[in-house]
N, C-alpha and C. Protein backbone atom coordinates (compact mmCIF):
# COMPACT_ATOMS: atom_id res chain seq x y z
N UNK A 1 19.24 27.59 -22.11
CA UNK A 1 19.10 26.13 -22.09
C UNK A 1 18.03 25.72 -23.09
N UNK A 2 18.38 24.77 -23.95
CA UNK A 2 17.43 24.25 -24.94
C UNK A 2 16.98 22.85 -24.54
N UNK A 3 15.69 22.61 -24.68
CA UNK A 3 15.10 21.32 -24.29
C UNK A 3 14.38 20.72 -25.48
N UNK A 4 14.65 19.44 -25.73
CA UNK A 4 13.99 18.74 -26.83
C UNK A 4 13.51 17.38 -26.33
N UNK A 5 12.21 17.11 -26.46
CA UNK A 5 11.66 15.80 -26.12
C UNK A 5 11.83 14.89 -27.34
N UNK A 6 12.93 14.13 -27.32
CA UNK A 6 13.29 13.31 -28.47
C UNK A 6 12.28 12.19 -28.68
N UNK A 7 11.88 11.56 -27.59
CA UNK A 7 10.89 10.50 -27.63
C UNK A 7 10.21 10.44 -26.28
N UNK A 8 9.33 9.47 -26.12
CA UNK A 8 8.62 9.31 -24.85
C UNK A 8 9.58 9.02 -23.71
N UNK A 9 10.71 8.40 -24.04
CA UNK A 9 11.65 7.98 -23.01
C UNK A 9 12.95 8.78 -23.00
N UNK A 10 13.04 9.83 -23.82
CA UNK A 10 14.29 10.59 -23.89
C UNK A 10 14.04 12.09 -23.94
N UNK A 11 14.86 12.83 -23.20
CA UNK A 11 14.88 14.28 -23.27
C UNK A 11 16.31 14.71 -23.56
N UNK A 12 16.46 15.61 -24.51
CA UNK A 12 17.78 16.15 -24.84
C UNK A 12 17.86 17.59 -24.34
N UNK A 13 18.91 17.89 -23.58
CA UNK A 13 19.09 19.23 -23.02
C UNK A 13 20.43 19.78 -23.49
N UNK A 14 20.40 20.98 -24.05
CA UNK A 14 21.63 21.64 -24.49
C UNK A 14 21.91 22.80 -23.53
N UNK A 15 23.05 22.74 -22.86
CA UNK A 15 23.44 23.77 -21.90
C UNK A 15 24.66 24.52 -22.43
N UNK A 16 24.52 25.83 -22.58
CA UNK A 16 25.65 26.65 -23.00
C UNK A 16 26.54 26.97 -21.81
N UNK A 17 27.71 27.51 -22.10
CA UNK A 17 28.62 27.87 -21.01
C UNK A 17 28.00 28.88 -20.06
N UNK A 18 27.17 29.77 -20.60
CA UNK A 18 26.51 30.75 -19.73
C UNK A 18 25.51 30.08 -18.80
N UNK A 19 24.87 28.99 -19.27
CA UNK A 19 23.95 28.24 -18.41
C UNK A 19 24.71 27.60 -17.26
N UNK A 20 25.90 27.08 -17.57
CA UNK A 20 26.72 26.47 -16.52
C UNK A 20 27.20 27.53 -15.53
N UNK A 21 27.60 28.69 -16.05
CA UNK A 21 28.07 29.77 -15.18
C UNK A 21 26.98 30.22 -14.23
N UNK A 22 25.75 30.29 -14.71
CA UNK A 22 24.63 30.69 -13.86
C UNK A 22 24.41 29.71 -12.71
N UNK A 23 24.80 28.45 -12.95
CA UNK A 23 24.63 27.42 -11.92
C UNK A 23 25.91 27.20 -11.13
N UNK A 24 26.93 28.01 -11.42
CA UNK A 24 28.16 27.97 -10.65
C UNK A 24 29.02 26.75 -10.87
N UNK A 25 28.98 26.16 -12.08
CA UNK A 25 29.79 24.98 -12.38
C UNK A 25 30.47 25.16 -13.73
N UNK A 26 31.49 24.34 -13.96
CA UNK A 26 32.16 24.27 -15.25
C UNK A 26 32.11 22.83 -15.75
N UNK A 27 32.45 22.64 -17.01
CA UNK A 27 32.48 21.28 -17.57
C UNK A 27 33.46 20.42 -16.81
N UNK A 28 34.63 20.97 -16.47
CA UNK A 28 35.63 20.20 -15.74
C UNK A 28 35.15 19.81 -14.35
N UNK A 29 34.40 20.70 -13.68
CA UNK A 29 33.83 20.36 -12.37
C UNK A 29 32.96 19.12 -12.47
N UNK A 30 32.13 19.09 -13.50
CA UNK A 30 31.18 17.99 -13.64
C UNK A 30 31.88 16.69 -13.99
N UNK A 31 32.93 16.76 -14.78
CA UNK A 31 33.63 15.55 -15.19
C UNK A 31 34.55 15.02 -14.11
N UNK A 32 34.89 15.83 -13.12
CA UNK A 32 35.86 15.41 -12.12
C UNK A 32 35.28 15.10 -10.76
N UNK A 33 33.98 15.31 -10.55
CA UNK A 33 33.38 15.10 -9.23
C UNK A 33 32.08 14.34 -9.39
N UNK A 34 32.08 13.05 -9.04
CA UNK A 34 30.91 12.20 -9.29
C UNK A 34 29.67 12.68 -8.54
N UNK A 35 29.84 13.10 -7.28
CA UNK A 35 28.69 13.55 -6.50
C UNK A 35 28.10 14.83 -7.10
N UNK A 36 28.99 15.71 -7.55
CA UNK A 36 28.52 16.95 -8.15
C UNK A 36 27.82 16.67 -9.48
N UNK A 37 28.33 15.68 -10.21
CA UNK A 37 27.69 15.28 -11.47
C UNK A 37 26.25 14.87 -11.21
N UNK A 38 26.05 13.95 -10.26
CA UNK A 38 24.71 13.43 -9.99
C UNK A 38 23.78 14.53 -9.51
N UNK A 39 24.26 15.36 -8.59
CA UNK A 39 23.45 16.44 -8.06
C UNK A 39 23.04 17.42 -9.16
N UNK A 40 23.98 17.77 -10.03
CA UNK A 40 23.70 18.72 -11.10
C UNK A 40 22.72 18.13 -12.10
N UNK A 41 22.93 16.88 -12.52
CA UNK A 41 22.06 16.27 -13.51
C UNK A 41 20.62 16.14 -13.00
N UNK A 42 20.47 15.75 -11.73
CA UNK A 42 19.12 15.62 -11.20
C UNK A 42 18.46 16.99 -11.02
N UNK A 43 19.24 18.02 -10.77
CA UNK A 43 18.65 19.36 -10.69
C UNK A 43 18.14 19.80 -12.06
N UNK A 44 18.89 19.44 -13.12
CA UNK A 44 18.43 19.74 -14.48
C UNK A 44 17.17 18.94 -14.79
N UNK A 45 17.15 17.68 -14.37
CA UNK A 45 15.97 16.85 -14.60
C UNK A 45 14.73 17.46 -13.96
N UNK A 46 14.87 17.98 -12.75
CA UNK A 46 13.74 18.62 -12.08
C UNK A 46 13.23 19.82 -12.86
N UNK A 47 14.15 20.53 -13.51
CA UNK A 47 13.76 21.71 -14.29
C UNK A 47 12.99 21.33 -15.55
N UNK A 48 13.46 20.30 -16.24
CA UNK A 48 12.89 19.98 -17.55
C UNK A 48 11.73 18.98 -17.48
N UNK A 49 11.67 18.18 -16.43
CA UNK A 49 10.62 17.17 -16.30
C UNK A 49 9.41 17.78 -15.58
N UNK A 50 8.75 18.71 -16.26
CA UNK A 50 7.67 19.47 -15.63
C UNK A 50 6.45 18.62 -15.29
N UNK A 51 6.22 17.54 -16.04
CA UNK A 51 5.07 16.68 -15.74
C UNK A 51 5.45 15.47 -14.90
N UNK A 52 6.73 15.41 -14.47
CA UNK A 52 7.23 14.37 -13.55
C UNK A 52 7.10 12.95 -14.11
N UNK A 53 7.11 12.81 -15.42
CA UNK A 53 7.01 11.47 -16.00
C UNK A 53 8.32 10.69 -15.89
N UNK A 54 9.42 11.41 -15.70
CA UNK A 54 10.71 10.75 -15.61
C UNK A 54 11.11 10.44 -14.17
N UNK A 55 10.44 11.05 -13.23
CA UNK A 55 10.86 10.90 -11.83
C UNK A 55 9.91 10.04 -11.00
N UNK A 56 8.87 9.52 -11.59
CA UNK A 56 7.91 8.69 -10.85
C UNK A 56 8.25 7.22 -11.04
N UNK A 57 8.94 6.65 -10.06
CA UNK A 57 9.26 5.22 -10.06
C UNK A 57 9.92 4.78 -11.36
N UNK A 58 10.83 5.58 -11.86
CA UNK A 58 11.52 5.24 -13.10
C UNK A 58 13.02 5.24 -12.87
N UNK A 59 13.69 4.32 -13.56
CA UNK A 59 15.15 4.34 -13.57
C UNK A 59 15.60 5.30 -14.65
N UNK A 60 16.42 6.28 -14.26
CA UNK A 60 16.84 7.33 -15.18
C UNK A 60 18.35 7.26 -15.38
N UNK A 61 18.79 7.40 -16.62
CA UNK A 61 20.22 7.43 -16.92
C UNK A 61 20.55 8.74 -17.62
N UNK A 62 21.82 9.15 -17.51
CA UNK A 62 22.27 10.39 -18.12
C UNK A 62 23.48 10.09 -19.00
N UNK A 63 23.52 10.72 -20.17
CA UNK A 63 24.68 10.66 -21.03
C UNK A 63 25.04 12.09 -21.41
N UNK A 64 26.33 12.40 -21.39
CA UNK A 64 26.75 13.78 -21.61
C UNK A 64 27.85 13.84 -22.66
N UNK A 65 27.77 14.85 -23.51
CA UNK A 65 28.80 15.12 -24.51
C UNK A 65 29.23 16.57 -24.36
N UNK A 66 30.42 16.82 -23.79
CA UNK A 66 30.90 18.20 -23.67
C UNK A 66 31.39 18.75 -25.00
N UNK A 67 31.29 20.03 -25.19
CA UNK A 67 31.83 20.69 -26.37
C UNK A 67 32.30 22.08 -25.99
N UNK A 68 32.83 22.83 -26.96
CA UNK A 68 33.40 24.14 -26.67
C UNK A 68 32.36 25.15 -26.23
N UNK A 69 31.09 24.90 -26.55
CA UNK A 69 30.02 25.84 -26.20
C UNK A 69 29.30 25.46 -24.90
N UNK A 70 29.64 24.33 -24.33
CA UNK A 70 28.97 23.87 -23.12
C UNK A 70 28.88 22.36 -23.12
N UNK A 71 27.66 21.84 -23.03
CA UNK A 71 27.49 20.40 -23.08
C UNK A 71 26.08 20.05 -23.51
N UNK A 72 25.92 18.84 -24.03
CA UNK A 72 24.62 18.28 -24.35
C UNK A 72 24.36 17.13 -23.40
N UNK A 73 23.16 17.09 -22.85
CA UNK A 73 22.78 16.07 -21.88
C UNK A 73 21.59 15.30 -22.41
N UNK A 74 21.71 13.98 -22.44
CA UNK A 74 20.62 13.11 -22.86
C UNK A 74 20.11 12.36 -21.64
N UNK A 75 18.84 12.57 -21.31
CA UNK A 75 18.21 11.93 -20.15
C UNK A 75 17.28 10.84 -20.67
N UNK A 76 17.49 9.61 -20.20
CA UNK A 76 16.69 8.47 -20.66
C UNK A 76 16.06 7.77 -19.47
N UNK A 77 14.87 7.25 -19.67
CA UNK A 77 14.23 6.46 -18.63
C UNK A 77 13.99 5.05 -19.15
N UNK A 78 14.08 4.09 -18.25
CA UNK A 78 13.84 2.69 -18.62
C UNK A 78 12.35 2.50 -18.87
N UNK A 79 11.98 1.62 -19.80
CA UNK A 79 10.56 1.38 -20.05
C UNK A 79 9.89 0.74 -18.85
N UNK A 80 8.60 1.02 -18.69
CA UNK A 80 7.84 0.43 -17.59
C UNK A 80 7.68 -1.07 -17.80
N UNK A 81 7.34 -1.78 -16.73
CA UNK A 81 7.12 -3.22 -16.84
C UNK A 81 6.06 -3.50 -17.89
N UNK A 82 6.35 -4.50 -18.73
CA UNK A 82 5.40 -4.86 -19.76
C UNK A 82 5.68 -4.20 -21.09
N UNK A 83 6.55 -3.18 -21.08
CA UNK A 83 6.92 -2.52 -22.32
C UNK A 83 8.21 -3.11 -22.84
N UNK A 84 8.28 -3.28 -24.14
CA UNK A 84 9.48 -3.81 -24.77
C UNK A 84 10.35 -2.67 -25.25
N UNK A 85 11.63 -2.83 -25.12
CA UNK A 85 12.56 -1.85 -25.64
C UNK A 85 13.45 -2.52 -26.67
N UNK A 86 13.82 -1.80 -27.68
CA UNK A 86 14.67 -2.33 -28.74
C UNK A 86 16.05 -1.70 -28.63
N UNK A 87 17.06 -2.47 -28.18
CA UNK A 87 18.42 -1.91 -28.10
C UNK A 87 18.91 -1.37 -29.42
N UNK A 88 18.55 -2.04 -30.52
CA UNK A 88 19.02 -1.59 -31.82
C UNK A 88 18.42 -0.24 -32.18
N UNK A 89 17.10 -0.07 -31.94
CA UNK A 89 16.46 1.20 -32.25
C UNK A 89 17.01 2.30 -31.35
N UNK A 90 17.23 1.98 -30.07
CA UNK A 90 17.76 2.97 -29.15
C UNK A 90 19.17 3.38 -29.56
N UNK A 91 19.99 2.40 -29.97
CA UNK A 91 21.35 2.71 -30.38
C UNK A 91 21.38 3.58 -31.63
N UNK A 92 20.46 3.31 -32.56
CA UNK A 92 20.38 4.11 -33.77
C UNK A 92 19.99 5.55 -33.44
N UNK A 93 19.08 5.70 -32.47
CA UNK A 93 18.67 7.03 -32.06
C UNK A 93 19.83 7.79 -31.41
N UNK A 94 20.59 7.09 -30.56
CA UNK A 94 21.75 7.72 -29.92
C UNK A 94 22.79 8.12 -30.94
N UNK A 95 22.97 7.28 -31.97
CA UNK A 95 23.92 7.61 -33.03
C UNK A 95 23.49 8.87 -33.77
N UNK A 96 22.19 8.98 -34.05
CA UNK A 96 21.70 10.15 -34.78
C UNK A 96 21.85 11.42 -33.97
N UNK A 97 21.86 11.29 -32.63
CA UNK A 97 22.02 12.45 -31.76
C UNK A 97 23.47 12.77 -31.50
N UNK A 98 24.39 11.86 -31.92
CA UNK A 98 25.80 12.10 -31.72
C UNK A 98 26.32 11.63 -30.38
N UNK A 99 25.54 10.83 -29.64
CA UNK A 99 25.97 10.35 -28.33
C UNK A 99 26.67 9.00 -28.42
N UNK A 100 26.54 8.28 -29.54
CA UNK A 100 27.15 6.97 -29.70
C UNK A 100 27.81 6.90 -31.06
N UNK A 101 29.03 6.36 -31.11
CA UNK A 101 29.73 6.19 -32.37
C UNK A 101 29.20 4.99 -33.12
N UNK A 102 29.44 4.95 -34.41
CA UNK A 102 28.97 3.84 -35.25
C UNK A 102 29.54 2.51 -34.80
N UNK A 103 30.76 2.51 -34.26
CA UNK A 103 31.43 1.27 -33.90
C UNK A 103 31.48 1.04 -32.40
N UNK A 104 30.64 1.74 -31.64
CA UNK A 104 30.68 1.62 -30.19
C UNK A 104 29.98 0.34 -29.76
N UNK A 105 30.75 -0.70 -29.44
CA UNK A 105 30.19 -1.99 -29.11
C UNK A 105 29.52 -2.00 -27.75
N UNK A 106 29.95 -1.14 -26.86
CA UNK A 106 29.37 -1.14 -25.52
C UNK A 106 27.92 -0.78 -25.52
N UNK A 107 27.42 -0.12 -26.58
CA UNK A 107 26.04 0.29 -26.63
C UNK A 107 25.21 -0.59 -27.55
N UNK A 108 25.75 -1.69 -28.00
CA UNK A 108 25.00 -2.59 -28.85
C UNK A 108 24.74 -3.92 -28.17
N UNK A 109 25.09 -4.02 -26.89
CA UNK A 109 24.84 -5.25 -26.16
C UNK A 109 25.98 -6.23 -26.23
N UNK A 110 27.03 -5.96 -27.03
CA UNK A 110 28.14 -6.87 -27.13
C UNK A 110 29.13 -6.60 -26.01
N UNK A 111 29.83 -7.62 -25.57
CA UNK A 111 30.74 -7.48 -24.42
C UNK A 111 32.15 -7.91 -24.76
N UNK A 112 32.52 -7.79 -26.02
CA UNK A 112 33.87 -8.18 -26.41
C UNK A 112 34.90 -7.28 -25.75
N UNK A 113 36.05 -7.85 -25.41
CA UNK A 113 37.10 -7.07 -24.78
C UNK A 113 37.64 -6.04 -25.77
N UNK A 114 37.80 -4.80 -25.35
CA UNK A 114 38.29 -3.78 -26.27
C UNK A 114 39.76 -3.99 -26.57
N UNK A 115 40.18 -3.57 -27.77
CA UNK A 115 41.59 -3.70 -28.16
C UNK A 115 42.43 -2.66 -27.44
N UNK A 116 41.80 -1.55 -27.06
CA UNK A 116 42.53 -0.50 -26.37
C UNK A 116 41.79 -0.09 -25.10
N UNK A 117 42.55 0.46 -24.17
CA UNK A 117 42.00 1.00 -22.93
C UNK A 117 42.54 2.41 -22.76
N UNK A 118 41.67 3.37 -22.50
CA UNK A 118 42.11 4.76 -22.35
C UNK A 118 42.00 5.21 -20.90
N UNK A 119 43.02 5.91 -20.44
CA UNK A 119 43.05 6.47 -19.10
C UNK A 119 43.45 7.93 -19.18
N UNK A 120 42.85 8.74 -18.31
CA UNK A 120 43.28 10.12 -18.14
C UNK A 120 43.78 10.27 -16.71
N UNK A 121 45.02 10.72 -16.57
CA UNK A 121 45.67 10.78 -15.27
C UNK A 121 45.98 12.24 -14.91
N UNK A 122 45.61 12.63 -13.72
CA UNK A 122 45.88 13.98 -13.22
C UNK A 122 47.07 13.93 -12.27
N UNK A 123 48.02 14.86 -12.43
CA UNK A 123 49.22 14.88 -11.62
C UNK A 123 49.23 16.09 -10.69
N UNK A 124 49.71 15.85 -9.47
CA UNK A 124 49.83 16.96 -8.51
C UNK A 124 50.88 17.95 -8.97
N UNK A 125 51.93 17.45 -9.63
CA UNK A 125 52.95 18.34 -10.20
C UNK A 125 53.64 17.62 -11.36
N UNK A 126 54.41 18.36 -12.11
CA UNK A 126 55.06 17.83 -13.30
C UNK A 126 56.06 16.74 -12.96
N UNK A 127 56.72 16.85 -11.81
CA UNK A 127 57.73 15.87 -11.42
C UNK A 127 57.14 14.48 -11.26
N UNK A 128 55.89 14.40 -10.87
CA UNK A 128 55.25 13.08 -10.75
C UNK A 128 55.09 12.42 -12.11
N UNK A 129 54.78 13.22 -13.11
CA UNK A 129 54.71 12.68 -14.47
C UNK A 129 56.07 12.16 -14.92
N UNK A 130 57.11 12.96 -14.68
CA UNK A 130 58.46 12.55 -15.07
C UNK A 130 58.85 11.25 -14.39
N UNK A 131 58.54 11.15 -13.10
CA UNK A 131 58.88 9.94 -12.35
C UNK A 131 58.15 8.72 -12.92
N UNK A 132 56.87 8.89 -13.28
CA UNK A 132 56.11 7.78 -13.84
C UNK A 132 56.69 7.35 -15.19
N UNK A 133 57.12 8.31 -15.99
CA UNK A 133 57.67 7.98 -17.31
C UNK A 133 58.92 7.11 -17.20
N UNK A 134 59.64 7.25 -16.09
CA UNK A 134 60.88 6.50 -15.92
C UNK A 134 60.63 5.05 -15.46
N UNK A 135 59.53 4.83 -14.78
CA UNK A 135 59.25 3.47 -14.28
C UNK A 135 58.31 2.70 -15.20
N UNK A 136 57.62 3.40 -16.08
CA UNK A 136 56.67 2.74 -16.97
C UNK A 136 57.21 2.82 -18.40
N UNK A 137 58.27 2.09 -18.64
CA UNK A 137 58.95 2.13 -19.94
C UNK A 137 58.54 0.93 -20.79
N UNK A 138 57.26 0.87 -21.14
CA UNK A 138 56.78 -0.18 -22.03
C UNK A 138 56.32 0.46 -23.33
N UNK A 139 56.25 -0.32 -24.39
CA UNK A 139 55.96 0.23 -25.72
C UNK A 139 54.57 -0.16 -26.19
N UNK A 140 53.63 -0.29 -25.26
CA UNK A 140 52.31 -0.78 -25.63
C UNK A 140 51.23 0.28 -25.53
N UNK A 141 51.62 1.55 -25.59
CA UNK A 141 50.61 2.59 -25.53
C UNK A 141 51.12 3.90 -26.11
N UNK A 142 50.19 4.81 -26.37
CA UNK A 142 50.51 6.17 -26.75
C UNK A 142 50.26 7.06 -25.54
N UNK A 143 51.07 8.10 -25.39
CA UNK A 143 50.95 8.98 -24.23
C UNK A 143 50.93 10.43 -24.69
N UNK A 144 49.90 11.16 -24.27
CA UNK A 144 49.75 12.57 -24.61
C UNK A 144 49.66 13.37 -23.31
N UNK A 145 50.50 14.37 -23.18
CA UNK A 145 50.51 15.20 -21.98
C UNK A 145 49.90 16.57 -22.31
N UNK A 146 48.96 16.99 -21.47
CA UNK A 146 48.30 18.29 -21.63
C UNK A 146 48.44 19.11 -20.35
N UNK A 147 48.35 20.42 -20.52
CA UNK A 147 48.26 21.34 -19.38
C UNK A 147 46.90 22.02 -19.47
N UNK A 148 46.10 21.85 -18.43
CA UNK A 148 44.75 22.43 -18.43
C UNK A 148 44.48 23.07 -17.08
N UNK A 149 44.18 24.35 -17.10
CA UNK A 149 43.94 25.12 -15.88
C UNK A 149 45.07 24.93 -14.86
N UNK A 150 46.31 25.05 -15.38
CA UNK A 150 47.52 24.97 -14.55
C UNK A 150 47.74 23.59 -13.92
N UNK A 151 47.12 22.57 -14.47
CA UNK A 151 47.29 21.20 -13.99
C UNK A 151 47.71 20.33 -15.17
N UNK A 152 48.61 19.36 -14.92
CA UNK A 152 49.05 18.44 -15.97
C UNK A 152 48.18 17.18 -15.98
N UNK A 153 47.74 16.82 -17.19
CA UNK A 153 46.94 15.63 -17.40
C UNK A 153 47.59 14.76 -18.46
N UNK A 154 47.60 13.47 -18.23
CA UNK A 154 48.15 12.52 -19.20
C UNK A 154 47.03 11.67 -19.77
N UNK A 155 46.96 11.61 -21.09
CA UNK A 155 46.01 10.72 -21.76
C UNK A 155 46.78 9.50 -22.28
N UNK A 156 46.46 8.35 -21.72
CA UNK A 156 47.10 7.10 -22.11
C UNK A 156 46.16 6.27 -22.98
N UNK A 157 46.64 5.84 -24.13
CA UNK A 157 45.92 4.88 -24.96
C UNK A 157 46.70 3.58 -24.91
N UNK A 158 46.16 2.60 -24.21
CA UNK A 158 46.88 1.34 -23.95
C UNK A 158 46.43 0.27 -24.94
N UNK A 159 47.38 -0.33 -25.62
CA UNK A 159 47.08 -1.44 -26.54
C UNK A 159 47.13 -2.74 -25.73
N UNK A 160 45.97 -3.14 -25.25
CA UNK A 160 45.88 -4.23 -24.27
C UNK A 160 46.47 -5.52 -24.80
N UNK A 161 46.19 -5.84 -26.06
CA UNK A 161 46.67 -7.11 -26.63
C UNK A 161 48.19 -7.17 -26.76
N UNK A 162 48.85 -6.00 -26.70
CA UNK A 162 50.30 -5.97 -26.87
C UNK A 162 51.06 -5.95 -25.54
N UNK A 163 50.33 -5.91 -24.44
CA UNK A 163 50.99 -5.91 -23.14
C UNK A 163 51.63 -7.27 -22.89
N UNK A 164 52.89 -7.26 -22.51
CA UNK A 164 53.61 -8.50 -22.26
C UNK A 164 54.25 -8.52 -20.87
N UNK A 165 54.97 -7.47 -20.53
CA UNK A 165 55.72 -7.46 -19.28
C UNK A 165 54.91 -7.01 -18.08
N UNK A 166 53.67 -6.55 -18.31
CA UNK A 166 52.84 -6.06 -17.21
C UNK A 166 51.38 -6.27 -17.58
N UNK A 167 50.56 -6.56 -16.59
CA UNK A 167 49.13 -6.71 -16.84
C UNK A 167 48.46 -5.35 -16.78
N UNK A 168 47.25 -5.28 -17.32
CA UNK A 168 46.51 -4.01 -17.30
C UNK A 168 46.22 -3.57 -15.88
N UNK A 169 45.87 -4.51 -15.01
CA UNK A 169 45.58 -4.17 -13.61
C UNK A 169 46.82 -3.62 -12.91
N UNK A 170 47.96 -4.26 -13.13
CA UNK A 170 49.19 -3.79 -12.50
C UNK A 170 49.63 -2.44 -13.07
N UNK A 171 49.41 -2.25 -14.36
CA UNK A 171 49.75 -0.98 -14.98
C UNK A 171 48.91 0.14 -14.37
N UNK A 172 47.61 -0.13 -14.22
CA UNK A 172 46.71 0.87 -13.63
C UNK A 172 47.11 1.19 -12.20
N UNK A 173 47.45 0.16 -11.44
CA UNK A 173 47.87 0.37 -10.05
C UNK A 173 49.14 1.19 -9.98
N UNK A 174 50.08 0.92 -10.89
CA UNK A 174 51.33 1.67 -10.92
C UNK A 174 51.08 3.14 -11.24
N UNK A 175 50.22 3.38 -12.20
CA UNK A 175 49.89 4.76 -12.58
C UNK A 175 49.33 5.53 -11.39
N UNK A 176 48.50 4.87 -10.60
CA UNK A 176 47.85 5.54 -9.48
C UNK A 176 48.80 5.83 -8.32
N UNK A 177 50.01 5.26 -8.36
CA UNK A 177 51.00 5.61 -7.35
C UNK A 177 51.59 7.00 -7.60
N UNK A 178 51.48 7.48 -8.85
CA UNK A 178 52.08 8.76 -9.22
C UNK A 178 51.05 9.83 -9.56
N UNK A 179 49.84 9.40 -9.88
CA UNK A 179 48.80 10.35 -10.24
C UNK A 179 47.42 9.81 -9.91
N UNK A 180 46.42 10.55 -10.28
CA UNK A 180 45.03 10.17 -10.00
C UNK A 180 44.29 9.96 -11.31
N UNK A 181 43.72 8.78 -11.49
CA UNK A 181 42.91 8.51 -12.67
C UNK A 181 41.57 9.23 -12.49
N UNK A 182 41.23 10.06 -13.46
CA UNK A 182 40.02 10.88 -13.34
C UNK A 182 39.07 10.59 -14.50
N UNK A 183 37.76 10.76 -14.27
CA UNK A 183 36.77 10.53 -15.34
C UNK A 183 36.64 11.74 -16.26
N UNK A 184 37.75 12.13 -16.83
CA UNK A 184 37.79 13.28 -17.72
C UNK A 184 37.99 12.81 -19.15
N UNK A 185 37.17 13.28 -20.06
CA UNK A 185 37.26 12.85 -21.45
C UNK A 185 38.52 13.38 -22.12
N UNK A 186 39.15 12.52 -22.92
CA UNK A 186 40.30 12.96 -23.69
C UNK A 186 39.91 14.04 -24.68
N UNK A 187 38.65 14.01 -25.13
CA UNK A 187 38.17 15.03 -26.06
C UNK A 187 38.16 16.41 -25.41
N UNK A 188 37.86 16.47 -24.11
CA UNK A 188 37.88 17.73 -23.39
C UNK A 188 39.30 18.29 -23.33
N UNK A 189 40.26 17.41 -23.05
CA UNK A 189 41.66 17.84 -23.02
C UNK A 189 42.10 18.36 -24.39
N UNK A 190 41.73 17.63 -25.43
CA UNK A 190 42.13 18.04 -26.78
C UNK A 190 41.49 19.37 -27.17
N UNK A 191 40.28 19.60 -26.66
CA UNK A 191 39.54 20.82 -27.01
C UNK A 191 40.00 22.03 -26.22
N UNK A 192 40.19 21.83 -24.92
CA UNK A 192 40.44 22.97 -24.04
C UNK A 192 41.87 23.02 -23.49
N UNK A 193 42.57 21.90 -23.50
CA UNK A 193 43.89 21.86 -22.91
C UNK A 193 44.99 22.33 -23.86
N UNK A 194 46.14 22.62 -23.30
CA UNK A 194 47.32 23.00 -24.09
C UNK A 194 48.22 21.78 -24.23
N UNK A 195 48.40 21.26 -25.45
CA UNK A 195 49.26 20.08 -25.63
C UNK A 195 50.71 20.40 -25.28
N UNK A 196 51.32 19.54 -24.49
CA UNK A 196 52.72 19.71 -24.09
C UNK A 196 53.60 18.72 -24.84
N UNK A 197 53.18 17.44 -24.83
CA UNK A 197 53.89 16.39 -25.57
C UNK A 197 52.82 15.48 -26.17
N UNK A 198 52.94 15.18 -27.45
CA UNK A 198 51.93 14.39 -28.13
C UNK A 198 52.46 13.01 -28.49
N UNK A 199 51.60 12.01 -28.28
CA UNK A 199 51.80 10.61 -28.68
C UNK A 199 52.94 9.89 -27.96
N UNK A 200 54.07 10.56 -27.80
CA UNK A 200 55.23 9.90 -27.18
C UNK A 200 55.71 10.70 -25.96
N UNK A 201 54.78 11.10 -25.12
CA UNK A 201 55.12 11.95 -23.96
C UNK A 201 56.12 11.25 -23.05
N UNK A 202 55.93 9.95 -22.80
CA UNK A 202 56.85 9.23 -21.92
C UNK A 202 58.25 9.17 -22.50
N UNK A 203 58.35 8.87 -23.79
CA UNK A 203 59.65 8.77 -24.44
C UNK A 203 60.38 10.12 -24.42
N UNK A 204 59.64 11.18 -24.70
CA UNK A 204 60.23 12.52 -24.70
C UNK A 204 60.67 12.92 -23.30
N UNK A 205 59.88 12.55 -22.31
CA UNK A 205 60.23 12.87 -20.93
C UNK A 205 61.52 12.16 -20.52
N UNK A 206 61.63 10.89 -20.88
CA UNK A 206 62.85 10.14 -20.53
C UNK A 206 64.07 10.70 -21.26
N UNK A 207 63.86 11.23 -22.46
CA UNK A 207 64.98 11.78 -23.23
C UNK A 207 65.46 13.12 -22.66
N UNK A 208 64.53 13.98 -22.28
CA UNK A 208 64.91 15.32 -21.83
C UNK A 208 65.18 15.41 -20.33
N UNK A 209 64.58 14.50 -19.55
CA UNK A 209 64.72 14.60 -18.09
C UNK A 209 65.38 13.32 -17.56
N UNK A 210 66.65 13.16 -17.85
CA UNK A 210 67.39 11.96 -17.47
C UNK A 210 67.83 12.05 -16.01
C-alpha cells in the first residue's frame, strides 16, 4: 500500500490487488456493496490517518478509481469553519491526480442536465437480459453486454434528449423489473469482463433470440 499526503486536506492511497487480497476483498466486492465500501474505506483511513487529523470532527469523502492492478483511493476532508476552499483549485488537483475528467461538470459546481445517463445492470441469468431486450425496443441508447465472474452485466448509455416514447424514470423502473442496477463502473467491465455483445446488444438479442 502506497500513501501520499497530497495536501493538508487530501491523502492518496494506492492499493494493489495483493493489498485487497490481504484484507479479504476484491474490487467488485467494493463496487457492489455499499456497506462494505464504507467499512473498508474507513478501515483504510484509520491505517493512514496516524495523527487523526482527518477523523476529528471532520467531514470526510472518498473517491476511488479502480484499475487492473488494484485501486487508487483519494480521501478528502472538508475545510474547518472559517477556512475558504476553492472549488476550481480542488477540481484542478483532482484532474492532475486522474480522479476527474477535464469535462466533468459535476465536479465544477455546475448542475446542467447530462446529455447521457449510464446504467450498469446485473442479471440473475441470461434469459432475463433477453426478456428485457424484447420489451425495451427503443433507439435512444447503446447497449453493451459483458460476462464477468460468470454473471451477465449490461452497460446502458442512454441518450436522454432523444427519449420520446418513455421517460428516464419509467425506463429505469422497467430495467429493474428484469435486473438489478448496480454501482459498478463500466470501466471495470471493459477492463475485467468478457464482452459478449457490443453497442447493439439489445438489437442482436432480438435478432438471434426471437
